[in-house]
């Protein structure tokens, strides 16, 4: 291969990588900019990652979904496959958003005014009895904070209510917009 062809191949590969990374960043920014804002109540777990620094591990109230609100749950069956679930949230009087209904695979009929569908993933291995609940992962379980502040925030979370302001895209994908200490924003995510 001569020098010109090699340079052209390198330029094309570099452009493809840059385009892919730009697409990922623009997608996240679009959700943060245009998504529906929902306030979710969180509980702390452990705030340290030796390789990445301090973070707050977030456990959501909406993580456990009662099977009785899942519209298309095959009652009494054992679910073995992982898959998507759409949880319809509505805003309560305290300002936090909580589950109203859910459906596997695809969202139900379009949400009513004042509701939003958030996409999560359910792991297999559940028996869907009437009193069972499903554990849903929304892939927004870590929020990185400045070094040295993770443990303090974790301690504060045990004493008073914390939440995250999430932006939910039209496809149900959530992104953390801000970490909230009551009504006060502790940290806000930049678009880029």
N, C-alpha and C. Protein backbone atom coordinates (compact mmCIF):
# COMPACT_ATOMS: atom_id res chain seq x y z
N UNK A 1 0.85 -1.17 0.00
CA UNK A 1 0.00 0.00 0.00
C UNK A 1 0.90 1.23 0.00
N UNK A 2 0.62 2.16 -0.86
CA UNK A 2 1.48 3.33 -0.91
C UNK A 2 1.09 4.31 0.21
N UNK A 3 1.90 5.33 0.37
CA UNK A 3 1.74 6.27 1.47
C UNK A 3 0.43 7.04 1.44
N UNK A 4 -0.03 7.45 0.25
CA UNK A 4 -1.27 8.22 0.14
C UNK A 4 -2.48 7.40 0.57
N UNK A 5 -2.52 6.15 0.16
CA UNK A 5 -3.65 5.28 0.54
C UNK A 5 -3.65 5.03 2.04
N UNK A 6 -2.50 4.83 2.60
CA UNK A 6 -2.40 4.60 4.04
C UNK A 6 -2.88 5.82 4.83
N UNK A 7 -2.50 7.00 4.39
CA UNK A 7 -2.94 8.23 5.04
C UNK A 7 -4.45 8.38 4.91
N UNK A 8 -5.00 8.09 3.74
CA UNK A 8 -6.44 8.19 3.52
C UNK A 8 -7.21 7.23 4.43
N UNK A 9 -6.72 6.01 4.56
CA UNK A 9 -7.36 5.03 5.43
C UNK A 9 -7.33 5.52 6.88
N UNK A 10 -6.20 6.05 7.31
CA UNK A 10 -6.08 6.56 8.67
C UNK A 10 -7.03 7.73 8.91
N UNK A 11 -7.16 8.63 7.95
CA UNK A 11 -8.06 9.78 8.06
C UNK A 11 -9.50 9.31 8.14
N UNK A 12 -9.89 8.35 7.30
CA UNK A 12 -11.25 7.83 7.31
C UNK A 12 -11.56 7.15 8.64
N UNK A 13 -10.64 6.34 9.15
CA UNK A 13 -10.85 5.68 10.44
C UNK A 13 -10.95 6.70 11.58
N UNK A 14 -10.11 7.70 11.57
CA UNK A 14 -10.16 8.74 12.61
C UNK A 14 -11.48 9.50 12.54
N UNK A 15 -11.92 9.82 11.33
CA UNK A 15 -13.19 10.54 11.15
C UNK A 15 -14.37 9.69 11.65
N UNK A 16 -14.33 8.38 11.38
CA UNK A 16 -15.39 7.49 11.84
C UNK A 16 -15.43 7.43 13.37
N UNK A 17 -14.26 7.36 14.01
CA UNK A 17 -14.22 7.34 15.47
C UNK A 17 -14.74 8.65 16.05
N UNK A 18 -14.33 9.75 15.49
CA UNK A 18 -14.79 11.07 15.96
C UNK A 18 -16.30 11.20 15.77
N UNK A 19 -16.81 10.76 14.63
CA UNK A 19 -18.24 10.83 14.36
C UNK A 19 -19.02 9.98 15.37
N UNK A 20 -18.53 8.78 15.68
CA UNK A 20 -19.21 7.91 16.64
C UNK A 20 -19.23 8.54 18.02
N UNK A 21 -18.11 9.05 18.48
CA UNK A 21 -18.06 9.70 19.80
C UNK A 21 -18.94 10.94 19.84
N UNK A 22 -18.94 11.71 18.78
CA UNK A 22 -19.80 12.90 18.71
C UNK A 22 -21.27 12.52 18.76
N UNK A 23 -21.63 11.44 18.08
CA UNK A 23 -23.01 10.96 18.09
C UNK A 23 -23.43 10.56 19.50
N UNK A 24 -22.55 9.87 20.25
CA UNK A 24 -22.86 9.48 21.62
C UNK A 24 -23.06 10.70 22.51
N UNK A 25 -22.17 11.67 22.41
CA UNK A 25 -22.24 12.88 23.23
C UNK A 25 -23.48 13.69 22.86
N UNK A 26 -23.76 13.84 21.59
CA UNK A 26 -24.92 14.62 21.15
C UNK A 26 -26.22 13.95 21.60
N UNK A 27 -26.27 12.63 21.60
CA UNK A 27 -27.47 11.92 22.05
C UNK A 27 -27.75 12.17 23.52
N UNK A 28 -26.71 12.12 24.35
CA UNK A 28 -26.86 12.39 25.78
C UNK A 28 -27.27 13.84 26.00
N UNK A 29 -26.63 14.75 25.28
CA UNK A 29 -26.95 16.18 25.42
C UNK A 29 -28.39 16.46 24.98
N UNK A 30 -28.86 15.78 23.94
CA UNK A 30 -30.23 15.99 23.48
C UNK A 30 -31.23 15.59 24.55
N UNK A 31 -30.97 14.49 25.25
CA UNK A 31 -31.87 14.08 26.34
C UNK A 31 -31.83 15.10 27.46
N UNK A 32 -30.64 15.55 27.84
CA UNK A 32 -30.54 16.53 28.92
C UNK A 32 -31.23 17.85 28.55
N UNK A 33 -31.15 18.24 27.29
CA UNK A 33 -31.72 19.50 26.84
C UNK A 33 -33.22 19.40 26.62
N UNK A 34 -33.68 18.33 25.96
CA UNK A 34 -35.06 18.24 25.51
C UNK A 34 -35.93 17.25 26.27
N UNK A 35 -35.33 16.42 27.13
CA UNK A 35 -36.08 15.38 27.83
C UNK A 35 -37.01 15.94 28.89
N UNK A 36 -37.96 15.14 29.32
CA UNK A 36 -38.91 15.50 30.37
C UNK A 36 -38.22 15.35 31.70
N UNK A 37 -38.28 16.39 32.56
CA UNK A 37 -37.63 16.36 33.87
C UNK A 37 -38.50 15.63 34.88
N UNK A 38 -37.90 14.68 35.59
CA UNK A 38 -38.58 13.97 36.68
C UNK A 38 -37.65 13.96 37.88
N UNK A 39 -38.21 14.09 39.09
CA UNK A 39 -37.45 14.05 40.32
C UNK A 39 -37.64 12.68 40.95
N UNK A 40 -36.53 11.95 41.16
CA UNK A 40 -36.58 10.61 41.70
C UNK A 40 -35.90 10.58 43.06
N UNK A 41 -36.53 9.96 44.04
CA UNK A 41 -35.97 9.85 45.38
C UNK A 41 -34.90 8.76 45.38
N UNK A 42 -33.77 9.04 46.04
CA UNK A 42 -32.66 8.10 46.08
C UNK A 42 -32.25 7.79 47.51
N UNK A 43 -31.55 6.66 47.65
CA UNK A 43 -30.97 6.24 48.91
C UNK A 43 -29.50 5.93 48.65
N UNK A 44 -28.61 6.18 49.61
CA UNK A 44 -27.18 5.97 49.36
C UNK A 44 -26.78 4.50 49.45
N UNK A 45 -25.63 4.19 48.82
CA UNK A 45 -25.00 2.89 48.99
C UNK A 45 -23.55 3.15 49.38
N UNK A 46 -22.57 3.00 48.47
CA UNK A 46 -21.16 3.20 48.79
C UNK A 46 -20.54 4.18 47.81
N UNK A 47 -19.84 5.24 48.30
CA UNK A 47 -19.41 6.30 47.39
C UNK A 47 -17.98 6.26 46.88
N UNK A 48 -17.32 5.13 46.75
CA UNK A 48 -15.92 5.17 46.34
C UNK A 48 -15.62 4.19 45.22
N UNK A 49 -14.80 4.63 44.31
CA UNK A 49 -14.26 3.79 43.26
C UNK A 49 -12.79 4.15 43.20
N UNK A 50 -11.92 3.19 43.53
CA UNK A 50 -10.50 3.49 43.62
C UNK A 50 -9.90 3.97 42.30
N UNK A 51 -10.44 3.53 41.18
CA UNK A 51 -9.88 3.91 39.89
C UNK A 51 -10.48 5.20 39.33
N UNK A 52 -11.74 5.50 39.65
CA UNK A 52 -12.41 6.66 39.06
C UNK A 52 -12.63 7.81 40.03
N UNK A 53 -12.53 7.58 41.32
CA UNK A 53 -12.74 8.65 42.27
C UNK A 53 -14.05 8.50 43.02
N UNK A 54 -14.49 9.59 43.64
CA UNK A 54 -15.70 9.58 44.45
C UNK A 54 -16.95 9.60 43.59
N UNK A 55 -17.91 8.85 44.01
CA UNK A 55 -19.22 8.90 43.39
C UNK A 55 -20.25 8.57 44.45
N UNK A 56 -21.46 8.88 44.15
CA UNK A 56 -22.57 8.51 45.01
C UNK A 56 -23.30 7.40 44.28
N UNK A 57 -23.38 6.24 44.91
CA UNK A 57 -24.13 5.11 44.36
C UNK A 57 -25.60 5.35 44.69
N UNK A 58 -26.45 5.33 43.69
CA UNK A 58 -27.85 5.69 43.87
C UNK A 58 -28.76 4.47 43.78
N UNK A 59 -29.61 4.35 44.75
CA UNK A 59 -30.61 3.29 44.79
C UNK A 59 -31.97 4.00 44.78
N UNK A 60 -32.78 3.74 43.77
CA UNK A 60 -34.02 4.48 43.58
C UNK A 60 -35.20 3.80 44.23
N UNK A 61 -36.12 4.62 44.71
CA UNK A 61 -37.40 4.12 45.19
C UNK A 61 -38.12 3.36 44.08
N UNK A 62 -37.95 3.81 42.85
CA UNK A 62 -38.66 3.19 41.73
C UNK A 62 -37.95 1.93 41.21
N UNK A 63 -36.93 1.47 41.91
CA UNK A 63 -36.20 0.27 41.49
C UNK A 63 -37.06 -0.98 41.61
N UNK A 64 -37.85 -1.09 42.68
CA UNK A 64 -38.70 -2.26 42.90
C UNK A 64 -40.12 -1.97 42.45
N UNK A 65 -40.54 -2.68 41.41
CA UNK A 65 -41.85 -2.48 40.80
C UNK A 65 -42.74 -3.68 41.15
N UNK A 66 -43.88 -3.44 41.80
CA UNK A 66 -44.79 -4.56 42.09
C UNK A 66 -45.31 -5.18 40.79
N UNK A 67 -45.32 -6.49 40.73
CA UNK A 67 -45.77 -7.21 39.54
C UNK A 67 -47.22 -6.83 39.21
N UNK A 68 -48.02 -6.53 40.22
CA UNK A 68 -49.44 -6.24 39.98
C UNK A 68 -49.67 -4.98 39.12
N UNK A 69 -48.66 -4.11 38.99
CA UNK A 69 -48.85 -2.93 38.12
C UNK A 69 -48.28 -3.14 36.72
N UNK A 70 -47.68 -4.32 36.46
CA UNK A 70 -47.13 -4.63 35.13
C UNK A 70 -48.26 -5.20 34.28
N UNK A 71 -48.68 -4.45 33.28
CA UNK A 71 -49.85 -4.78 32.47
C UNK A 71 -49.76 -6.15 31.81
N UNK A 72 -48.60 -6.48 31.25
CA UNK A 72 -48.49 -7.72 30.47
C UNK A 72 -47.65 -8.77 31.18
N UNK A 73 -47.67 -8.78 32.53
CA UNK A 73 -46.90 -9.77 33.28
C UNK A 73 -47.59 -11.13 33.19
N UNK A 74 -46.87 -12.15 32.77
CA UNK A 74 -47.46 -13.49 32.73
C UNK A 74 -47.56 -14.06 34.15
N UNK A 75 -48.70 -13.88 34.80
CA UNK A 75 -48.90 -14.23 36.21
C UNK A 75 -48.48 -15.66 36.52
N UNK A 76 -47.71 -15.80 37.59
CA UNK A 76 -47.29 -17.10 38.08
C UNK A 76 -46.17 -17.74 37.30
N UNK A 77 -45.74 -17.13 36.21
CA UNK A 77 -44.68 -17.72 35.39
C UNK A 77 -43.30 -17.29 35.88
N UNK A 78 -42.32 -18.10 35.53
CA UNK A 78 -40.94 -17.81 35.86
C UNK A 78 -40.30 -17.11 34.68
N UNK A 79 -39.80 -15.90 34.89
CA UNK A 79 -39.18 -15.13 33.82
C UNK A 79 -37.69 -15.44 33.80
N UNK A 80 -37.19 -15.95 32.69
CA UNK A 80 -35.79 -16.34 32.62
C UNK A 80 -34.94 -15.38 31.80
N UNK A 81 -35.57 -14.60 30.94
CA UNK A 81 -34.81 -13.74 30.04
C UNK A 81 -34.72 -12.31 30.58
N UNK A 82 -33.58 -11.67 30.30
CA UNK A 82 -33.44 -10.25 30.60
C UNK A 82 -34.17 -9.49 29.50
N UNK A 83 -34.63 -8.31 29.85
CA UNK A 83 -35.28 -7.53 28.81
C UNK A 83 -35.72 -6.17 29.29
N UNK A 84 -36.16 -5.34 28.35
CA UNK A 84 -36.58 -3.99 28.69
C UNK A 84 -37.95 -3.97 29.37
N UNK A 85 -38.14 -2.96 30.20
CA UNK A 85 -39.43 -2.69 30.81
C UNK A 85 -39.61 -1.18 30.79
N UNK A 86 -40.82 -0.75 30.52
CA UNK A 86 -41.14 0.67 30.54
C UNK A 86 -42.03 0.91 31.75
N UNK A 87 -41.59 1.82 32.61
CA UNK A 87 -42.33 2.13 33.83
C UNK A 87 -42.95 3.52 33.66
N UNK A 88 -44.25 3.59 33.76
CA UNK A 88 -44.95 4.87 33.65
C UNK A 88 -44.92 5.54 35.02
N UNK A 89 -44.35 6.76 35.05
CA UNK A 89 -44.23 7.53 36.29
C UNK A 89 -45.22 8.68 36.30
N UNK A 90 -45.70 9.00 37.50
CA UNK A 90 -46.54 10.18 37.71
C UNK A 90 -46.01 10.94 38.91
N UNK A 91 -46.22 12.23 38.92
CA UNK A 91 -45.70 13.08 39.98
C UNK A 91 -46.66 13.07 41.18
N UNK A 92 -46.09 12.81 42.38
CA UNK A 92 -46.87 12.83 43.62
C UNK A 92 -46.83 14.22 44.25
N UNK A 93 -47.61 14.41 45.29
CA UNK A 93 -47.73 15.71 45.96
C UNK A 93 -46.40 16.20 46.53
N UNK A 94 -45.50 15.27 46.91
CA UNK A 94 -44.22 15.68 47.48
C UNK A 94 -43.19 16.07 46.42
N UNK A 95 -43.57 16.01 45.14
CA UNK A 95 -42.69 16.41 44.05
C UNK A 95 -41.93 15.26 43.42
N UNK A 96 -41.87 14.10 44.08
CA UNK A 96 -41.16 12.95 43.53
C UNK A 96 -42.08 12.18 42.59
N UNK A 97 -41.48 11.56 41.59
CA UNK A 97 -42.21 10.78 40.60
C UNK A 97 -42.18 9.32 41.01
N UNK A 98 -43.33 8.64 40.93
CA UNK A 98 -43.44 7.25 41.36
C UNK A 98 -44.20 6.43 40.31
N UNK A 99 -43.99 5.09 40.33
CA UNK A 99 -44.62 4.22 39.33
C UNK A 99 -46.14 4.22 39.40
N UNK A 100 -46.76 4.24 38.21
CA UNK A 100 -48.21 4.11 38.08
C UNK A 100 -48.57 2.79 37.40
N UNK A 101 -47.76 2.42 36.39
CA UNK A 101 -47.96 1.16 35.67
C UNK A 101 -46.65 0.81 34.98
N UNK A 102 -46.61 -0.36 34.37
CA UNK A 102 -45.40 -0.80 33.66
C UNK A 102 -45.79 -1.81 32.59
N UNK A 103 -44.91 -1.99 31.62
CA UNK A 103 -45.12 -3.01 30.60
C UNK A 103 -43.77 -3.49 30.08
N UNK A 104 -43.71 -4.77 29.75
CA UNK A 104 -42.50 -5.36 29.20
C UNK A 104 -42.35 -5.02 27.72
N UNK A 105 -41.11 -4.88 27.27
CA UNK A 105 -40.81 -4.74 25.85
C UNK A 105 -41.06 -3.38 25.24
N UNK A 106 -42.29 -2.92 25.22
CA UNK A 106 -42.66 -1.64 24.61
C UNK A 106 -43.52 -0.86 25.59
N UNK A 107 -43.47 0.48 25.51
CA UNK A 107 -44.35 1.25 26.39
C UNK A 107 -45.80 1.03 26.00
N UNK A 108 -46.70 1.20 26.96
CA UNK A 108 -48.13 1.08 26.68
C UNK A 108 -48.60 2.27 25.86
N UNK A 109 -49.91 2.45 25.80
CA UNK A 109 -50.48 3.62 25.14
C UNK A 109 -49.75 4.87 25.60
N UNK A 110 -49.67 5.88 24.77
CA UNK A 110 -48.97 7.11 25.11
C UNK A 110 -49.32 7.61 26.50
N UNK A 111 -48.35 8.10 27.25
CA UNK A 111 -48.63 8.55 28.62
C UNK A 111 -49.57 9.75 28.63
N UNK A 112 -50.40 9.81 29.66
CA UNK A 112 -51.30 10.94 29.83
C UNK A 112 -50.49 12.17 30.22
N UNK A 113 -51.12 13.31 30.16
CA UNK A 113 -50.47 14.54 30.60
C UNK A 113 -50.06 14.38 32.06
N UNK A 114 -48.85 14.77 32.39
CA UNK A 114 -48.37 14.62 33.76
C UNK A 114 -47.75 13.27 34.05
N UNK A 115 -47.56 12.46 33.01
CA UNK A 115 -46.91 11.16 33.17
C UNK A 115 -45.77 11.04 32.16
N UNK A 116 -44.84 10.13 32.45
CA UNK A 116 -43.72 9.88 31.55
C UNK A 116 -43.33 8.41 31.64
N UNK A 117 -42.91 7.82 30.51
CA UNK A 117 -42.43 6.44 30.49
C UNK A 117 -40.92 6.45 30.56
N UNK A 118 -40.37 5.72 31.53
CA UNK A 118 -38.92 5.60 31.69
C UNK A 118 -38.53 4.15 31.38
N UNK A 119 -37.45 4.00 30.64
CA UNK A 119 -37.01 2.66 30.21
C UNK A 119 -35.99 2.10 31.20
N UNK A 120 -36.19 0.84 31.54
CA UNK A 120 -35.27 0.13 32.41
C UNK A 120 -35.06 -1.27 31.88
N UNK A 121 -34.28 -2.06 32.62
CA UNK A 121 -34.02 -3.45 32.26
C UNK A 121 -34.33 -4.33 33.46
N UNK A 122 -34.99 -5.43 33.20
CA UNK A 122 -35.30 -6.42 34.23
C UNK A 122 -34.43 -7.63 33.98
N UNK A 123 -33.78 -8.13 35.03
CA UNK A 123 -33.00 -9.35 34.93
C UNK A 123 -33.93 -10.55 35.07
N UNK A 124 -33.59 -11.64 34.39
CA UNK A 124 -34.37 -12.86 34.49
C UNK A 124 -34.21 -13.50 35.86
N UNK A 125 -35.01 -14.52 36.12
CA UNK A 125 -34.93 -15.24 37.38
C UNK A 125 -36.01 -14.86 38.37
N UNK A 126 -37.14 -14.40 37.87
CA UNK A 126 -38.22 -13.94 38.74
C UNK A 126 -39.46 -14.80 38.53
N UNK A 127 -40.13 -15.15 39.63
CA UNK A 127 -41.45 -15.76 39.55
C UNK A 127 -42.44 -14.65 39.75
N UNK A 128 -43.37 -14.51 38.84
CA UNK A 128 -44.26 -13.37 38.84
C UNK A 128 -45.56 -13.64 39.59
N UNK A 129 -45.43 -13.95 40.86
CA UNK A 129 -46.60 -14.13 41.71
C UNK A 129 -47.27 -12.80 41.98
N UNK A 130 -48.51 -12.80 42.50
CA UNK A 130 -49.27 -11.56 42.69
C UNK A 130 -48.64 -10.58 43.68
N UNK A 131 -47.87 -11.07 44.64
CA UNK A 131 -47.25 -10.18 45.63
C UNK A 131 -45.77 -9.95 45.37
N UNK A 132 -45.27 -10.42 44.23
CA UNK A 132 -43.85 -10.28 43.91
C UNK A 132 -43.56 -8.87 43.40
N UNK A 133 -42.29 -8.55 43.37
CA UNK A 133 -41.86 -7.30 42.75
C UNK A 133 -40.64 -7.58 41.88
N UNK A 134 -40.44 -6.72 40.89
CA UNK A 134 -39.31 -6.83 39.98
C UNK A 134 -38.29 -5.76 40.32
N UNK A 135 -37.01 -6.10 40.19
CA UNK A 135 -35.95 -5.12 40.38
C UNK A 135 -35.55 -4.59 39.01
N UNK A 136 -35.69 -3.27 38.83
CA UNK A 136 -35.45 -2.64 37.54
C UNK A 136 -34.17 -1.81 37.60
N UNK A 137 -33.32 -1.97 36.60
CA UNK A 137 -32.09 -1.18 36.48
C UNK A 137 -32.31 -0.13 35.40
N UNK A 138 -32.13 1.15 35.78
CA UNK A 138 -32.34 2.25 34.84
C UNK A 138 -31.02 2.78 34.27
N UNK A 139 -29.90 2.19 34.67
CA UNK A 139 -28.58 2.56 34.18
C UNK A 139 -28.22 4.02 34.51
N UNK A 140 -28.71 4.48 35.66
CA UNK A 140 -28.35 5.81 36.17
C UNK A 140 -28.06 5.68 37.67
N UNK A 141 -27.23 4.70 38.01
CA UNK A 141 -27.03 4.38 39.42
C UNK A 141 -25.76 4.98 40.04
N UNK A 142 -24.98 5.74 39.29
CA UNK A 142 -23.79 6.39 39.83
C UNK A 142 -23.78 7.86 39.44
N UNK A 143 -23.36 8.68 40.40
CA UNK A 143 -23.17 10.10 40.11
C UNK A 143 -21.82 10.49 40.69
N UNK A 144 -20.89 10.86 39.81
CA UNK A 144 -19.54 11.21 40.24
C UNK A 144 -19.52 12.62 40.81
N UNK A 145 -18.84 12.76 41.94
CA UNK A 145 -18.75 14.04 42.65
C UNK A 145 -17.28 14.40 42.83
N UNK A 146 -16.98 15.66 43.18
CA UNK A 146 -15.58 16.04 43.39
C UNK A 146 -14.92 15.19 44.48
N UNK A 147 -13.64 14.96 44.31
CA UNK A 147 -12.88 14.12 45.24
C UNK A 147 -13.05 14.58 46.68
N UNK A 148 -13.28 13.62 47.55
CA UNK A 148 -13.40 13.90 48.98
C UNK A 148 -14.81 14.24 49.44
N UNK A 149 -15.77 14.33 48.52
CA UNK A 149 -17.13 14.72 48.91
C UNK A 149 -18.12 13.56 48.95
N UNK A 150 -17.75 12.39 48.43
CA UNK A 150 -18.67 11.26 48.35
C UNK A 150 -19.16 10.78 49.70
N UNK A 151 -18.27 10.61 50.66
CA UNK A 151 -18.68 10.11 51.98
C UNK A 151 -19.55 11.12 52.72
N UNK A 152 -19.25 12.41 52.58
CA UNK A 152 -20.08 13.43 53.23
C UNK A 152 -21.49 13.42 52.66
N UNK A 153 -21.60 13.31 51.35
CA UNK A 153 -22.92 13.27 50.73
C UNK A 153 -23.67 12.01 51.15
N UNK A 154 -22.96 10.87 51.19
CA UNK A 154 -23.59 9.63 51.64
C UNK A 154 -24.15 9.79 53.05
N UNK A 155 -23.37 10.41 53.94
CA UNK A 155 -23.84 10.64 55.31
C UNK A 155 -25.07 11.55 55.35
N UNK A 156 -25.04 12.60 54.54
CA UNK A 156 -26.19 13.51 54.47
C UNK A 156 -27.43 12.80 53.95
N UNK A 157 -27.25 11.86 53.01
CA UNK A 157 -28.39 11.13 52.45
C UNK A 157 -29.10 10.29 53.51
N UNK A 158 -28.37 9.88 54.52
CA UNK A 158 -28.98 9.08 55.58
C UNK A 158 -29.80 9.95 56.54
N UNK A 159 -29.56 11.25 56.51
CA UNK A 159 -30.23 12.16 57.44
C UNK A 159 -31.41 12.90 56.84
N UNK A 160 -31.41 13.16 55.55
CA UNK A 160 -32.48 13.93 54.93
C UNK A 160 -32.69 13.44 53.50
N UNK A 161 -33.84 13.80 52.90
CA UNK A 161 -34.15 13.28 51.56
C UNK A 161 -33.26 13.90 50.47
N UNK A 162 -32.78 13.04 49.61
CA UNK A 162 -32.02 13.42 48.43
C UNK A 162 -32.76 12.86 47.21
N UNK A 163 -32.46 13.42 46.07
CA UNK A 163 -33.03 12.92 44.83
C UNK A 163 -32.13 13.29 43.68
N UNK A 164 -32.53 12.84 42.53
CA UNK A 164 -31.86 13.28 41.31
C UNK A 164 -32.92 13.85 40.39
N UNK A 165 -32.55 14.86 39.67
CA UNK A 165 -33.40 15.38 38.62
C UNK A 165 -32.93 14.68 37.36
N UNK A 166 -33.80 13.90 36.77
CA UNK A 166 -33.46 13.15 35.57
C UNK A 166 -34.21 13.71 34.38
N UNK A 167 -33.55 13.72 33.24
CA UNK A 167 -34.21 14.06 31.98
C UNK A 167 -34.51 12.74 31.29
N UNK A 168 -35.75 12.56 30.86
CA UNK A 168 -36.16 11.32 30.20
C UNK A 168 -36.49 11.64 28.75
N UNK A 169 -35.75 11.00 27.84
CA UNK A 169 -35.95 11.22 26.41
C UNK A 169 -37.25 10.62 25.91
N UNK A 170 -37.61 10.95 24.70
CA UNK A 170 -38.85 10.45 24.09
C UNK A 170 -38.87 8.93 24.01
N UNK A 171 -37.67 8.32 23.94
CA UNK A 171 -37.59 6.86 23.88
C UNK A 171 -37.54 6.22 25.27
N UNK A 172 -37.66 7.03 26.34
CA UNK A 172 -37.67 6.52 27.71
C UNK A 172 -36.32 6.45 28.37
N UNK A 173 -35.25 6.76 27.65
CA UNK A 173 -33.90 6.67 28.21
C UNK A 173 -33.66 7.85 29.16
N UNK A 174 -33.26 7.55 30.42
CA UNK A 174 -33.00 8.63 31.37
C UNK A 174 -31.53 9.03 31.42
N UNK A 175 -31.29 10.28 31.77
CA UNK A 175 -29.95 10.80 32.04
C UNK A 175 -30.05 11.65 33.31
N UNK A 176 -29.05 11.54 34.17
CA UNK A 176 -29.04 12.37 35.37
C UNK A 176 -28.72 13.80 34.99
N UNK A 177 -29.56 14.71 35.42
CA UNK A 177 -29.40 16.13 35.12
C UNK A 177 -28.78 16.86 36.31
N UNK A 178 -29.19 16.48 37.53
CA UNK A 178 -28.67 17.16 38.72
C UNK A 178 -28.86 16.27 39.95
N UNK A 179 -27.96 16.41 40.92
CA UNK A 179 -28.09 15.76 42.22
C UNK A 179 -28.72 16.78 43.16
N UNK A 180 -29.83 16.40 43.79
CA UNK A 180 -30.62 17.31 44.61
C UNK A 180 -30.53 16.96 46.09
N UNK A 181 -30.32 17.97 46.92
CA UNK A 181 -30.40 17.86 48.38
C UNK A 181 -31.67 18.59 48.76
N UNK A 182 -32.77 17.84 48.86
CA UNK A 182 -34.07 18.48 49.06
C UNK A 182 -34.43 19.27 47.82
N UNK A 183 -34.64 20.58 47.96
CA UNK A 183 -34.96 21.44 46.82
C UNK A 183 -33.73 22.11 46.22
N UNK A 184 -32.56 21.88 46.80
CA UNK A 184 -31.33 22.56 46.37
C UNK A 184 -30.50 21.64 45.46
N UNK A 185 -30.05 22.20 44.32
CA UNK A 185 -29.18 21.44 43.42
C UNK A 185 -27.76 21.48 43.97
N UNK A 186 -27.21 20.29 44.25
CA UNK A 186 -25.81 20.22 44.69
C UNK A 186 -24.88 20.30 43.49
N UNK A 187 -25.18 19.51 42.49
CA UNK A 187 -24.36 19.45 41.28
C UNK A 187 -25.28 19.34 40.09
N UNK A 188 -24.93 20.03 39.01
CA UNK A 188 -25.72 19.97 37.79
C UNK A 188 -24.81 19.52 36.64
N UNK A 189 -25.31 18.66 35.81
CA UNK A 189 -24.56 18.14 34.69
C UNK A 189 -24.52 19.17 33.57
N UNK A 190 -23.34 19.40 32.98
CA UNK A 190 -23.28 20.27 31.80
C UNK A 190 -23.78 19.49 30.58
N UNK A 191 -24.27 20.21 29.57
CA UNK A 191 -24.73 19.53 28.35
C UNK A 191 -23.59 18.80 27.65
N UNK A 192 -22.40 19.43 27.58
CA UNK A 192 -21.27 18.82 26.88
C UNK A 192 -20.09 18.72 27.80
